[in-house]
Amino acid sequence: MRTVGTPLTLGLLCLLLVPPAAAAPAKKTDKIETAGTAVAVALPIAAAGISLMHNDDWDGIYELGASTALTVGTALILKQVVHERRPNHSDYQSFPSDTAALAYSSADYLWGRYGWEWGVPAYAAAMFTGYSRVKAKQHHWYDVAASSAMAFAFNYAVVTRYRDNDRYALYASADGDSVGLHFEAHF
């Protein structure tokens, strides 16, 4: 019998992996930005770890890689095409947020592959990353929202639901005349 930790436990573990702030005094927004970036980097690592905890779900890891590459790659290409000025006026690569794209891609993967139990903590972490990007004036809110929408679209297209045991299945169906609850057993 295998034991899988709760999503909250894993989320707290990921927060412990965030490196401490630099020795030099930093502004509060610098610390938030650093923490948000660390969370964005930790999310796909945690998602891959969760996939390995689910009976070495290599298909899931492949889907995580594909959806992340598509989301972050699209964000990086759009940054070169759309010349949106950052709120801090440092450059014209604000739209969309590639850091938020990385975070939301992992959160959408966890929700789509393993359900809300894993998705809710991951979304909370991704939302913190988005908040940190806006708070640090690296991105506008709509840069983060666009990254989230791209992550959702690519994950919807790529990620399939994980089935721990294909021997049994329970699902609902509906058509114009009926609604049903179905149980299947494969021997």
N, C-alpha and C. Protein backbone atom coordinates (compact mmCIF):
# COMPACT_ATOMS: atom_id res chain seq x y z
N MET A 1 0.84 -1.18 0.00
CA MET A 1 0.00 0.00 0.00
C MET A 1 0.88 1.24 0.00
N ARG A 2 0.55 2.21 -0.80
CA ARG A 2 1.36 3.41 -0.87
C ARG A 2 0.67 4.54 -0.13
N THR A 3 1.45 5.48 0.35
CA THR A 3 0.91 6.63 1.06
C THR A 3 1.34 7.87 0.32
N VAL A 4 0.40 8.75 0.08
CA VAL A 4 0.67 10.01 -0.59
C VAL A 4 0.37 11.12 0.39
N GLY A 5 1.32 12.05 0.57
CA GLY A 5 1.11 13.18 1.47
C GLY A 5 0.02 14.11 0.95
N THR A 6 -0.49 14.91 1.81
CA THR A 6 -1.54 15.84 1.40
C THR A 6 -0.95 16.97 0.58
N PRO A 7 -1.75 17.60 -0.26
CA PRO A 7 -1.25 18.74 -1.03
C PRO A 7 -0.75 19.86 -0.13
N LEU A 8 -1.42 20.07 1.01
CA LEU A 8 -0.99 21.14 1.90
C LEU A 8 0.40 20.86 2.45
N THR A 9 0.67 19.62 2.82
CA THR A 9 1.99 19.24 3.32
C THR A 9 3.04 19.49 2.25
N LEU A 10 2.74 19.11 1.03
CA LEU A 10 3.68 19.32 -0.06
C LEU A 10 3.89 20.81 -0.32
N GLY A 11 2.81 21.58 -0.25
CA GLY A 11 2.92 23.03 -0.45
C GLY A 11 3.80 23.67 0.61
N LEU A 12 3.63 23.26 1.86
CA LEU A 12 4.48 23.80 2.93
C LEU A 12 5.92 23.38 2.75
N LEU A 13 6.14 22.15 2.28
CA LEU A 13 7.50 21.69 2.02
C LEU A 13 8.15 22.55 0.93
N CYS A 14 7.39 22.88 -0.11
CA CYS A 14 7.93 23.72 -1.19
C CYS A 14 8.32 25.10 -0.66
N LEU A 15 7.51 25.63 0.25
CA LEU A 15 7.82 26.95 0.81
C LEU A 15 9.11 26.90 1.63
N LEU A 16 9.39 25.75 2.25
CA LEU A 16 10.63 25.62 3.00
C LEU A 16 11.84 25.59 2.10
N LEU A 17 11.64 25.20 0.84
CA LEU A 17 12.74 25.13 -0.11
C LEU A 17 13.12 26.50 -0.68
N VAL A 18 12.29 27.51 -0.43
CA VAL A 18 12.58 28.85 -0.93
C VAL A 18 13.81 29.37 -0.21
N PRO A 19 14.82 29.83 -0.95
CA PRO A 19 16.04 30.28 -0.31
C PRO A 19 15.80 31.53 0.53
N PRO A 20 16.57 31.68 1.64
CA PRO A 20 16.40 32.87 2.46
C PRO A 20 16.81 34.12 1.70
N ALA A 21 16.34 35.26 2.17
CA ALA A 21 16.65 36.54 1.52
C ALA A 21 18.14 36.81 1.60
N ALA A 22 18.63 37.61 0.66
CA ALA A 22 20.05 37.95 0.62
C ALA A 22 20.46 38.71 1.88
N ALA A 23 21.75 38.71 2.20
CA ALA A 23 22.25 39.35 3.41
C ALA A 23 22.08 40.86 3.36
N ALA A 24 22.20 41.43 2.17
CA ALA A 24 22.04 42.88 2.03
C ALA A 24 20.58 43.26 2.22
N PRO A 25 20.33 44.39 2.87
CA PRO A 25 18.93 44.79 3.06
C PRO A 25 18.26 45.04 1.71
N ALA A 26 17.06 44.55 1.60
CA ALA A 26 16.34 44.69 0.34
C ALA A 26 14.98 45.30 0.62
N LYS A 27 14.43 45.92 -0.42
CA LYS A 27 13.09 46.47 -0.29
C LYS A 27 12.09 45.33 -0.20
N LYS A 28 10.95 45.62 0.40
CA LYS A 28 9.91 44.61 0.57
C LYS A 28 9.47 44.05 -0.78
N THR A 29 9.37 44.90 -1.81
CA THR A 29 8.95 44.41 -3.13
C THR A 29 10.00 43.50 -3.74
N ASP A 30 11.29 43.76 -3.45
CA ASP A 30 12.34 42.87 -3.94
C ASP A 30 12.21 41.48 -3.33
N LYS A 31 11.87 41.42 -2.03
CA LYS A 31 11.71 40.13 -1.36
C LYS A 31 10.50 39.40 -1.91
N ILE A 32 9.41 40.12 -2.15
CA ILE A 32 8.21 39.50 -2.70
C ILE A 32 8.48 38.99 -4.10
N GLU A 33 9.19 39.77 -4.90
CA GLU A 33 9.51 39.35 -6.26
C GLU A 33 10.38 38.09 -6.24
N THR A 34 11.39 38.07 -5.37
CA THR A 34 12.27 36.90 -5.26
C THR A 34 11.49 35.67 -4.81
N ALA A 35 10.63 35.85 -3.82
CA ALA A 35 9.83 34.72 -3.34
C ALA A 35 8.89 34.23 -4.43
N GLY A 36 8.26 35.14 -5.18
CA GLY A 36 7.37 34.74 -6.27
C GLY A 36 8.10 33.97 -7.35
N THR A 37 9.30 34.40 -7.69
CA THR A 37 10.09 33.69 -8.69
C THR A 37 10.49 32.31 -8.18
N ALA A 38 10.87 32.22 -6.91
CA ALA A 38 11.23 30.92 -6.33
C ALA A 38 10.04 29.97 -6.34
N VAL A 39 8.86 30.47 -6.04
CA VAL A 39 7.66 29.63 -6.06
C VAL A 39 7.37 29.18 -7.49
N ALA A 40 7.55 30.07 -8.46
CA ALA A 40 7.31 29.71 -9.87
C ALA A 40 8.25 28.60 -10.32
N VAL A 41 9.48 28.64 -9.87
CA VAL A 41 10.46 27.60 -10.22
C VAL A 41 10.16 26.31 -9.46
N ALA A 42 9.71 26.42 -8.21
CA ALA A 42 9.44 25.23 -7.39
C ALA A 42 8.19 24.48 -7.86
N LEU A 43 7.21 25.18 -8.43
CA LEU A 43 5.96 24.53 -8.82
C LEU A 43 6.13 23.40 -9.83
N PRO A 44 6.85 23.58 -10.95
CA PRO A 44 7.00 22.44 -11.86
C PRO A 44 7.82 21.30 -11.26
N ILE A 45 8.76 21.63 -10.39
CA ILE A 45 9.54 20.58 -9.72
C ILE A 45 8.62 19.79 -8.80
N ALA A 46 7.78 20.49 -8.05
CA ALA A 46 6.82 19.83 -7.17
C ALA A 46 5.82 19.01 -7.98
N ALA A 47 5.36 19.56 -9.11
CA ALA A 47 4.40 18.83 -9.95
C ALA A 47 5.02 17.54 -10.48
N ALA A 48 6.27 17.58 -10.88
CA ALA A 48 6.94 16.36 -11.34
C ALA A 48 7.08 15.37 -10.19
N GLY A 49 7.38 15.85 -9.00
CA GLY A 49 7.47 14.98 -7.84
C GLY A 49 6.13 14.32 -7.52
N ILE A 50 5.06 15.08 -7.64
CA ILE A 50 3.72 14.54 -7.40
C ILE A 50 3.41 13.46 -8.44
N SER A 51 3.81 13.70 -9.68
CA SER A 51 3.60 12.69 -10.72
C SER A 51 4.36 11.41 -10.40
N LEU A 52 5.56 11.53 -9.90
CA LEU A 52 6.33 10.35 -9.53
C LEU A 52 5.71 9.62 -8.34
N MET A 53 5.07 10.36 -7.46
CA MET A 53 4.40 9.73 -6.31
C MET A 53 3.16 8.94 -6.76
N HIS A 54 2.60 9.27 -7.89
CA HIS A 54 1.44 8.55 -8.41
C HIS A 54 1.91 7.38 -9.29
N ASN A 55 2.49 6.38 -8.66
CA ASN A 55 2.96 5.18 -9.37
C ASN A 55 3.86 5.50 -10.55
N ASP A 56 4.81 6.41 -10.36
CA ASP A 56 5.73 6.80 -11.43
C ASP A 56 4.98 7.15 -12.70
N ASP A 57 4.16 8.17 -12.62
CA ASP A 57 3.30 8.61 -13.72
C ASP A 57 4.13 9.35 -14.78
N TRP A 58 4.85 8.58 -15.60
CA TRP A 58 5.71 9.16 -16.63
C TRP A 58 4.89 9.83 -17.74
N ASP A 59 3.70 9.32 -18.01
CA ASP A 59 2.84 9.99 -18.99
C ASP A 59 2.50 11.39 -18.50
N GLY A 60 2.24 11.52 -17.21
CA GLY A 60 1.96 12.83 -16.63
C GLY A 60 3.15 13.76 -16.73
N ILE A 61 4.33 13.23 -16.46
CA ILE A 61 5.53 14.07 -16.56
C ILE A 61 5.73 14.55 -17.99
N TYR A 62 5.47 13.68 -18.96
CA TYR A 62 5.55 14.10 -20.36
C TYR A 62 4.54 15.22 -20.63
N GLU A 63 3.30 15.05 -20.15
CA GLU A 63 2.28 16.07 -20.37
C GLU A 63 2.64 17.38 -19.66
N LEU A 64 3.21 17.29 -18.46
CA LEU A 64 3.68 18.48 -17.74
C LEU A 64 4.74 19.21 -18.57
N GLY A 65 5.69 18.46 -19.09
CA GLY A 65 6.74 19.07 -19.91
C GLY A 65 6.21 19.72 -21.16
N ALA A 66 5.29 19.01 -21.84
CA ALA A 66 4.72 19.56 -23.07
C ALA A 66 3.90 20.82 -22.81
N SER A 67 3.04 20.77 -21.81
CA SER A 67 2.19 21.94 -21.54
C SER A 67 3.02 23.12 -21.04
N THR A 68 4.04 22.83 -20.23
CA THR A 68 4.90 23.91 -19.74
C THR A 68 5.71 24.53 -20.87
N ALA A 69 6.27 23.69 -21.73
CA ALA A 69 7.04 24.20 -22.87
C ALA A 69 6.17 25.04 -23.80
N LEU A 70 4.96 24.57 -24.06
CA LEU A 70 4.06 25.35 -24.93
C LEU A 70 3.68 26.68 -24.30
N THR A 71 3.35 26.65 -23.00
CA THR A 71 2.92 27.88 -22.33
C THR A 71 4.05 28.89 -22.21
N VAL A 72 5.18 28.46 -21.68
CA VAL A 72 6.30 29.38 -21.48
C VAL A 72 6.89 29.79 -22.83
N GLY A 73 6.98 28.86 -23.77
CA GLY A 73 7.47 29.21 -25.11
C GLY A 73 6.61 30.26 -25.79
N THR A 74 5.31 30.09 -25.70
CA THR A 74 4.40 31.09 -26.29
C THR A 74 4.56 32.43 -25.60
N ALA A 75 4.71 32.42 -24.27
CA ALA A 75 4.91 33.68 -23.55
C ALA A 75 6.19 34.37 -24.00
N LEU A 76 7.26 33.60 -24.18
CA LEU A 76 8.53 34.20 -24.61
C LEU A 76 8.44 34.75 -26.03
N ILE A 77 7.74 34.05 -26.90
CA ILE A 77 7.56 34.55 -28.28
C ILE A 77 6.72 35.83 -28.28
N LEU A 78 5.63 35.82 -27.52
CA LEU A 78 4.77 37.00 -27.48
C LEU A 78 5.50 38.21 -26.91
N LYS A 79 6.42 37.99 -25.97
CA LYS A 79 7.21 39.11 -25.43
C LYS A 79 8.00 39.81 -26.54
N GLN A 80 8.44 39.04 -27.54
CA GLN A 80 9.22 39.62 -28.63
C GLN A 80 8.33 40.34 -29.65
N VAL A 81 7.07 39.92 -29.72
CA VAL A 81 6.15 40.48 -30.71
C VAL A 81 5.38 41.68 -30.15
N VAL A 82 4.89 41.53 -28.93
CA VAL A 82 4.10 42.59 -28.30
C VAL A 82 5.04 43.44 -27.46
N HIS A 83 5.16 44.69 -27.78
CA HIS A 83 6.08 45.57 -27.06
C HIS A 83 5.32 46.39 -26.03
N GLU A 84 4.97 45.74 -24.93
CA GLU A 84 4.25 46.39 -23.83
C GLU A 84 5.27 46.83 -22.78
N ARG A 85 5.20 48.09 -22.42
CA ARG A 85 6.16 48.63 -21.44
C ARG A 85 5.82 48.14 -20.03
N ARG A 86 6.85 47.75 -19.31
CA ARG A 86 6.66 47.32 -17.92
C ARG A 86 6.22 48.51 -17.06
N PRO A 87 5.49 48.24 -15.98
CA PRO A 87 5.08 49.33 -15.10
C PRO A 87 6.25 50.09 -14.48
N ASN A 88 7.40 49.44 -14.31
CA ASN A 88 8.57 50.13 -13.75
C ASN A 88 9.38 50.85 -14.84
N HIS A 89 8.92 50.79 -16.08
CA HIS A 89 9.53 51.46 -17.24
C HIS A 89 10.94 50.96 -17.57
N SER A 90 11.27 49.73 -17.16
CA SER A 90 12.63 49.22 -17.40
C SER A 90 12.82 48.75 -18.84
N ASP A 91 11.77 48.17 -19.46
CA ASP A 91 11.88 47.73 -20.84
C ASP A 91 10.48 47.52 -21.42
N TYR A 92 10.43 46.97 -22.63
CA TYR A 92 9.16 46.75 -23.31
C TYR A 92 8.85 45.25 -23.46
N GLN A 93 9.07 44.49 -22.38
CA GLN A 93 8.80 43.06 -22.42
C GLN A 93 7.87 42.64 -21.29
N SER A 94 6.83 43.41 -21.10
CA SER A 94 5.90 43.14 -20.01
C SER A 94 4.88 42.05 -20.36
N PHE A 95 4.38 42.05 -21.59
CA PHE A 95 3.28 41.16 -21.96
C PHE A 95 3.77 39.97 -22.76
N PRO A 96 3.38 38.76 -22.34
CA PRO A 96 2.81 38.33 -21.06
C PRO A 96 3.92 37.99 -20.08
N SER A 97 3.55 37.61 -18.87
CA SER A 97 4.54 37.26 -17.85
C SER A 97 4.98 35.80 -18.03
N ASP A 98 6.26 35.60 -18.36
CA ASP A 98 6.75 34.24 -18.51
C ASP A 98 6.90 33.55 -17.15
N THR A 99 7.17 34.31 -16.10
CA THR A 99 7.26 33.74 -14.75
C THR A 99 5.89 33.23 -14.31
N ALA A 100 4.86 34.04 -14.53
CA ALA A 100 3.50 33.61 -14.19
C ALA A 100 3.08 32.44 -15.08
N ALA A 101 3.51 32.44 -16.33
CA ALA A 101 3.18 31.33 -17.23
C ALA A 101 3.74 30.02 -16.69
N LEU A 102 4.96 30.04 -16.18
CA LEU A 102 5.57 28.85 -15.59
C LEU A 102 4.77 28.37 -14.39
N ALA A 103 4.39 29.29 -13.52
CA ALA A 103 3.64 28.93 -12.31
C ALA A 103 2.25 28.41 -12.65
N TYR A 104 1.52 29.12 -13.48
CA TYR A 104 0.15 28.71 -13.80
C TYR A 104 0.11 27.43 -14.62
N SER A 105 1.11 27.19 -15.44
CA SER A 105 1.14 25.95 -16.21
C SER A 105 1.20 24.75 -15.27
N SER A 106 2.02 24.82 -14.25
CA SER A 106 2.13 23.73 -13.28
C SER A 106 0.85 23.58 -12.48
N ALA A 107 0.25 24.70 -12.07
CA ALA A 107 -1.00 24.65 -11.29
C ALA A 107 -2.13 24.04 -12.12
N ASP A 108 -2.25 24.46 -13.38
CA ASP A 108 -3.28 23.89 -14.26
C ASP A 108 -3.04 22.41 -14.50
N TYR A 109 -1.78 22.03 -14.64
CA TYR A 109 -1.45 20.61 -14.81
C TYR A 109 -1.91 19.79 -13.62
N LEU A 110 -1.57 20.25 -12.42
CA LEU A 110 -1.94 19.50 -11.22
C LEU A 110 -3.45 19.39 -11.08
N TRP A 111 -4.17 20.46 -11.38
CA TRP A 111 -5.62 20.42 -11.29
C TRP A 111 -6.20 19.46 -12.34
N GLY A 112 -5.74 19.60 -13.56
CA GLY A 112 -6.28 18.78 -14.64
C GLY A 112 -5.91 17.32 -14.53
N ARG A 113 -4.74 17.01 -14.05
CA ARG A 113 -4.27 15.62 -13.99
C ARG A 113 -4.74 14.90 -12.74
N TYR A 114 -4.66 15.57 -11.59
CA TYR A 114 -4.91 14.90 -10.32
C TYR A 114 -6.10 15.44 -9.53
N GLY A 115 -6.71 16.52 -9.99
CA GLY A 115 -7.91 17.02 -9.33
C GLY A 115 -7.68 18.24 -8.46
N TRP A 116 -8.78 18.71 -7.90
CA TRP A 116 -8.75 19.95 -7.13
C TRP A 116 -7.91 19.82 -5.86
N GLU A 117 -7.78 18.62 -5.32
CA GLU A 117 -7.02 18.45 -4.09
C GLU A 117 -5.57 18.90 -4.26
N TRP A 118 -5.03 18.66 -5.43
CA TRP A 118 -3.67 19.11 -5.74
C TRP A 118 -3.69 20.48 -6.40
N GLY A 119 -4.77 20.78 -7.12
CA GLY A 119 -4.84 22.02 -7.87
C GLY A 119 -5.02 23.26 -7.01
N VAL A 120 -5.82 23.18 -5.95
CA VAL A 120 -6.08 24.36 -5.13
C VAL A 120 -4.79 24.91 -4.49
N PRO A 121 -3.98 24.07 -3.81
CA PRO A 121 -2.73 24.63 -3.26
C PRO A 121 -1.79 25.16 -4.34
N ALA A 122 -1.77 24.47 -5.48
CA ALA A 122 -0.90 24.93 -6.58
C ALA A 122 -1.39 26.26 -7.13
N TYR A 123 -2.70 26.42 -7.26
CA TYR A 123 -3.24 27.70 -7.72
C TYR A 123 -2.95 28.81 -6.73
N ALA A 124 -3.03 28.52 -5.44
CA ALA A 124 -2.69 29.54 -4.44
C ALA A 124 -1.24 29.99 -4.61
N ALA A 125 -0.35 29.04 -4.84
CA ALA A 125 1.06 29.38 -5.06
C ALA A 125 1.24 30.17 -6.35
N ALA A 126 0.55 29.76 -7.42
CA ALA A 126 0.65 30.48 -8.70
C ALA A 126 0.09 31.90 -8.57
N MET A 127 -1.00 32.03 -7.82
CA MET A 127 -1.57 33.37 -7.62
C MET A 127 -0.60 34.26 -6.85
N PHE A 128 0.13 33.68 -5.90
CA PHE A 128 1.16 34.45 -5.20
C PHE A 128 2.23 34.92 -6.17
N THR A 129 2.64 34.03 -7.08
CA THR A 129 3.62 34.42 -8.09
C THR A 129 3.10 35.58 -8.93
N GLY A 130 1.86 35.48 -9.39
CA GLY A 130 1.27 36.57 -10.16
C GLY A 130 1.22 37.86 -9.37
N TYR A 131 0.81 37.77 -8.12
CA TYR A 131 0.76 38.94 -7.25
C TYR A 131 2.15 39.56 -7.12
N SER A 132 3.16 38.72 -6.93
CA SER A 132 4.52 39.23 -6.75
C SER A 132 5.02 39.97 -7.99
N ARG A 133 4.63 39.51 -9.17
CA ARG A 133 5.05 40.17 -10.41
C ARG A 133 4.41 41.55 -10.55
N VAL A 134 3.14 41.65 -10.16
CA VAL A 134 2.44 42.94 -10.23
C VAL A 134 2.95 43.87 -9.13
N LYS A 135 3.10 43.35 -7.92
CA LYS A 135 3.57 44.16 -6.79
C LYS A 135 4.96 44.73 -7.04
N ALA A 136 5.82 43.96 -7.68
CA ALA A 136 7.19 44.42 -7.98
C ALA A 136 7.24 45.32 -9.21
N LYS A 137 6.08 45.58 -9.79
CA LYS A 137 5.96 46.43 -10.99
C LYS A 137 6.73 45.87 -12.19
N GLN A 138 6.81 44.54 -12.26
CA GLN A 138 7.39 43.89 -13.41
C GLN A 138 6.34 43.65 -14.50
N HIS A 139 5.08 43.55 -14.07
CA HIS A 139 3.99 43.27 -15.00
C HIS A 139 2.72 43.97 -14.59
N HIS A 140 1.85 44.18 -15.56
CA HIS A 140 0.50 44.65 -15.30
C HIS A 140 -0.36 43.44 -14.94
N TRP A 141 -1.51 43.68 -14.33
CA TRP A 141 -2.39 42.55 -13.96
C TRP A 141 -2.80 41.75 -15.18
N TYR A 142 -3.00 42.43 -16.31
CA TYR A 142 -3.45 41.71 -17.50
C TYR A 142 -2.34 40.88 -18.14
N ASP A 143 -1.09 41.18 -17.86
CA ASP A 143 0.02 40.33 -18.31
C ASP A 143 -0.06 38.97 -17.61
N VAL A 144 -0.35 39.02 -16.31
CA VAL A 144 -0.48 37.80 -15.51
C VAL A 144 -1.74 37.04 -15.92
N ALA A 145 -2.83 37.76 -16.12
CA ALA A 145 -4.09 37.11 -16.53
C ALA A 145 -3.93 36.42 -17.89
N ALA A 146 -3.22 37.03 -18.80
CA ALA A 146 -2.99 36.41 -20.11
C ALA A 146 -2.15 35.13 -19.96
N SER A 147 -1.16 35.17 -19.10
CA SER A 147 -0.35 33.97 -18.87
C SER A 147 -1.19 32.85 -18.28
N SER A 148 -2.07 33.20 -17.37
CA SER A 148 -2.96 32.20 -16.77
C SER A 148 -3.88 31.60 -17.82
N ALA A 149 -4.42 32.43 -18.69
CA ALA A 149 -5.32 31.94 -19.75
C ALA A 149 -4.58 31.03 -20.73
N MET A 150 -3.36 31.40 -21.08
CA MET A 150 -2.57 30.54 -21.98
C MET A 150 -2.29 29.19 -21.33
N ALA A 151 -1.93 29.21 -20.04
CA ALA A 151 -1.65 27.96 -19.33
C ALA A 151 -2.89 27.08 -19.30
N PHE A 152 -4.04 27.69 -19.04
CA PHE A 152 -5.28 26.92 -19.03
C PHE A 152 -5.55 26.29 -20.39
N ALA A 153 -5.40 27.06 -21.46
CA ALA A 153 -5.69 26.57 -22.81
C ALA A 153 -4.75 25.43 -23.20
N PHE A 154 -3.46 25.57 -22.97
CA PHE A 154 -2.52 24.52 -23.33
C PHE A 154 -2.71 23.27 -22.48
N ASN A 155 -2.98 23.45 -21.20
CA ASN A 155 -3.22 22.28 -20.35
C ASN A 155 -4.51 21.58 -20.72
N TYR A 156 -5.52 22.34 -21.09
CA TYR A 156 -6.78 21.74 -21.52
C TYR A 156 -6.56 20.88 -22.77
N ALA A 157 -5.69 21.34 -23.64
CA ALA A 157 -5.43 20.61 -24.89
C ALA A 157 -4.51 19.40 -24.70
N VAL A 158 -3.62 19.44 -23.71
CA VAL A 158 -2.57 18.43 -23.60
C VAL A 158 -2.80 17.44 -22.46
N VAL A 159 -3.25 17.90 -21.33
CA VAL A 159 -3.27 17.08 -20.11
C VAL A 159 -4.52 16.21 -20.04
N THR A 160 -4.31 14.94 -19.70
CA THR A 160 -5.41 14.00 -19.50
C THR A 160 -5.51 13.67 -18.02
N ARG A 161 -6.69 13.22 -17.62
CA ARG A 161 -6.94 12.87 -16.22
C ARG A 161 -6.19 11.58 -15.87
N TYR A 162 -5.55 11.58 -14.72
CA TYR A 162 -4.82 10.41 -14.22
C TYR A 162 -5.81 9.39 -13.67
N ARG A 163 -5.59 8.15 -14.00
CA ARG A 163 -6.37 7.06 -13.43
C ARG A 163 -5.40 6.12 -12.74
N ASP A 164 -5.53 6.06 -11.43
CA ASP A 164 -4.64 5.22 -10.63
C ASP A 164 -4.88 3.74 -10.91
N ASN A 165 -6.14 3.40 -11.18
CA ASN A 165 -6.49 2.01 -11.40
C ASN A 165 -7.54 1.96 -12.50
N ASP A 166 -7.19 1.44 -13.64
CA ASP A 166 -8.15 1.36 -14.74
C ASP A 166 -9.09 0.17 -14.62
N ARG A 167 -8.97 -0.57 -13.54
CA ARG A 167 -9.82 -1.73 -13.37
C ARG A 167 -11.27 -1.33 -13.07
N TYR A 168 -11.44 -0.23 -12.36
CA TYR A 168 -12.77 0.26 -12.02
C TYR A 168 -12.90 1.69 -12.50
N ALA A 169 -14.09 2.07 -12.91
CA ALA A 169 -14.35 3.45 -13.32
C ALA A 169 -15.77 3.82 -12.92
N LEU A 170 -15.92 5.05 -12.45
CA LEU A 170 -17.22 5.60 -12.10
C LEU A 170 -17.33 6.93 -12.81
N TYR A 171 -18.40 7.13 -13.59
CA TYR A 171 -18.56 8.38 -14.31
C TYR A 171 -20.03 8.68 -14.52
N ALA A 172 -20.30 9.93 -14.81
CA ALA A 172 -21.67 10.38 -15.06
C ALA A 172 -21.82 10.70 -16.54
N SER A 173 -23.07 10.61 -17.02
CA SER A 173 -23.35 10.98 -18.41
C SER A 173 -24.74 11.59 -18.48
N ALA A 174 -24.93 12.33 -19.55
CA ALA A 174 -26.24 12.94 -19.78
C ALA A 174 -26.43 13.15 -21.26
N ASP A 175 -27.68 13.02 -21.70
CA ASP A 175 -28.03 13.36 -23.08
C ASP A 175 -29.40 14.03 -23.03
N GLY A 176 -30.02 14.20 -24.15
CA GLY A 176 -31.30 14.90 -24.22
C GLY A 176 -32.43 14.22 -23.47
N ASP A 177 -32.33 12.91 -23.26
CA ASP A 177 -33.43 12.17 -22.64
C ASP A 177 -33.14 11.62 -21.25
N SER A 178 -31.85 11.53 -20.87
CA SER A 178 -31.56 10.88 -19.59
C SER A 178 -30.28 11.40 -18.96
N VAL A 179 -30.16 11.07 -17.69
CA VAL A 179 -28.95 11.36 -16.91
C VAL A 179 -28.59 10.05 -16.24
N GLY A 180 -27.31 9.70 -16.22
CA GLY A 180 -26.94 8.42 -15.64
C GLY A 180 -25.64 8.46 -14.88
N LEU A 181 -25.51 7.54 -13.95
CA LEU A 181 -24.28 7.31 -13.22
C LEU A 181 -23.85 5.89 -13.56
N HIS A 182 -22.61 5.74 -14.05
CA HIS A 182 -22.15 4.46 -14.57
C HIS A 182 -20.98 3.95 -13.76
N PHE A 183 -20.98 2.65 -13.54
CA PHE A 183 -19.86 1.97 -12.89
C PHE A 183 -19.39 0.87 -13.81
N GLU A 184 -18.07 0.85 -14.07
CA GLU A 184 -17.50 -0.19 -14.93
C GLU A 184 -16.47 -0.98 -14.13
N ALA A 185 -16.41 -2.26 -14.38
CA ALA A 185 -15.39 -3.12 -13.79
C ALA A 185 -14.78 -3.95 -14.92
N HIS A 186 -13.46 -3.90 -15.04
CA HIS A 186 -12.76 -4.66 -16.08
C HIS A 186 -11.99 -5.79 -15.40
N PHE A 187 -12.19 -7.02 -15.91
CA PHE A 187 -11.54 -8.18 -15.31
C PHE A 187 -10.55 -8.77 -16.27
